[in-house]
C-alpha atoms as a PDB file:
ATOM      1  CA  MET A   1      -5.841 -30.652  10.048  1.00  0.00           C
ATOM      2  CA  HIS A   2      -5.362 -26.321   9.993  1.00  0.00           C
ATOM      3  CA  ARG A   3      -7.209 -26.409  13.197  1.00  0.00           C
ATOM      4  CA  ILE A   4      -4.631 -28.934  14.866  1.00  0.00           C
ATOM      5  CA  LEU A   5      -1.878 -26.816  13.838  1.00  0.00           C
ATOM      6  CA  ALA A   6      -3.224 -23.449  14.713  1.00  0.00           C
ATOM      7  CA  ASN A   7      -4.251 -24.025  18.333  1.00  0.00           C
ATOM      8  CA  ALA A   8      -0.798 -26.859  18.469  1.00  0.00           C
ATOM      9  CA  GLU A   9       1.547 -25.161  21.494  1.00  0.00           C
ATOM     10  CA  LEU A  10       4.798 -24.335  20.106  1.00  0.00           C
ATOM     11  CA  PRO A  11       6.490 -26.799  21.928  1.00  0.00           C
ATOM     12  CA  GLN A  12       4.306 -29.390  20.497  1.00  0.00           C
ATOM     13  CA  LEU A  13       4.910 -28.232  16.949  1.00  0.00           C
ATOM     14  CA  ARG A  14       8.444 -28.323  17.344  1.00  0.00           C
ATOM     15  CA  THR A  15       8.099 -32.019  18.912  1.00  0.00           C
ATOM     16  CA  HIS A  16       6.250 -32.677  15.979  1.00  0.00           C
ATOM     17  CA  ARG A  17       7.918 -30.862  13.636  1.00  0.00           C
ATOM     18  CA  SER A  18       8.471 -33.032  11.081  1.00  0.00           C
ATOM     19  CA  THR A  19       4.835 -34.274  10.587  1.00  0.00           C
ATOM     20  CA  ALA A  20       4.067 -30.444  10.478  1.00  0.00           C
ATOM     21  CA  ALA A  21       6.830 -30.473   7.752  1.00  0.00           C
ATOM     22  CA  ARG A  22       4.783 -32.842   5.466  1.00  0.00           C
ATOM     23  CA  LEU A  23       1.456 -31.329   6.285  1.00  0.00           C
ATOM     24  CA  ALA A  24       2.456 -27.492   5.894  1.00  0.00           C
ATOM     25  CA  PRO A  25       2.571 -27.890   1.399  1.00  0.00           C
ATOM     26  CA  LEU A  26      -1.248 -29.370   1.784  1.00  0.00           C
ATOM     27  CA  LEU A  27      -2.103 -25.885   3.583  1.00  0.00           C
ATOM     28  CA  PRO A  28      -3.723 -23.601   1.029  1.00  0.00           C
ATOM     29  CA  THR A  29      -2.037 -20.298   0.831  1.00  0.00           C
ATOM     30  CA  LYS A  30      -4.186 -18.156   2.239  1.00  0.00           C
ATOM     31  CA  LEU A  31      -4.193 -20.466   5.661  1.00  0.00           C
ATOM     32  CA  LYS A  32      -0.412 -20.331   5.442  1.00  0.00           C
ATOM     33  CA  ALA A  33      -0.657 -16.613   5.850  1.00  0.00           C
ATOM     34  CA  THR A  34      -2.505 -17.077   9.017  1.00  0.00           C
ATOM     35  CA  TYR A  35       0.495 -18.474  10.655  1.00  0.00           C
ATOM     36  CA  LEU A  36       2.436 -15.659  10.069  1.00  0.00           C
ATOM     37  CA  VAL A  37       0.387 -12.878  10.516  1.00  0.00           C
ATOM     38  CA  GLY A  38      -0.084 -11.659  14.226  1.00  0.00           C
ATOM     39  CA  VAL A  39       1.621 -14.138  16.048  1.00  0.00           C
ATOM     40  CA  ASP A  40       4.453 -14.303  18.386  1.00  0.00           C
ATOM     41  CA  GLY A  41       8.021 -14.368  17.145  1.00  0.00           C
ATOM     42  CA  GLU A  42       8.678 -17.249  18.096  1.00  0.00           C
ATOM     43  CA  ARG A  43       5.733 -19.219  16.643  1.00  0.00           C
ATOM     44  CA  GLN A  44       6.206 -17.498  13.391  1.00  0.00           C
ATOM     45  CA  ARG A  45       9.969 -18.194  13.032  1.00  0.00           C
ATOM     46  CA  PHE A  46       8.597 -21.735  13.520  1.00  0.00           C
ATOM     47  CA  TRP A  47       6.400 -21.714  10.633  1.00  0.00           C
ATOM     48  CA  ILE A  48       8.544 -19.830   8.340  1.00  0.00           C
ATOM     49  CA  GLU A  49      11.436 -22.512   8.336  1.00  0.00           C
ATOM     50  CA  VAL A  50       8.403 -25.108   8.070  1.00  0.00           C
ATOM     51  CA  PHE A  51       7.477 -23.487   4.690  1.00  0.00           C
ATOM     52  CA  THR A  52      11.016 -22.835   3.250  1.00  0.00           C
ATOM     53  CA  SER A  53      12.614 -26.586   4.227  1.00  0.00           C
ATOM     54  CA  GLY A  54       9.850 -28.009   1.999  1.00  0.00           C
END
């Protein structure tokens, strides 16, 4: 699951935002950090919104 989310392009993630939001709580904390560090600002904002919405 992590690889699918990590490799998805931002437009794909936005299209399937509700699915990403349901799967996000299942990610280990260490993996969640990889979605926030070293990524462009738009992608980082997407994940912050997903992680804080649940």
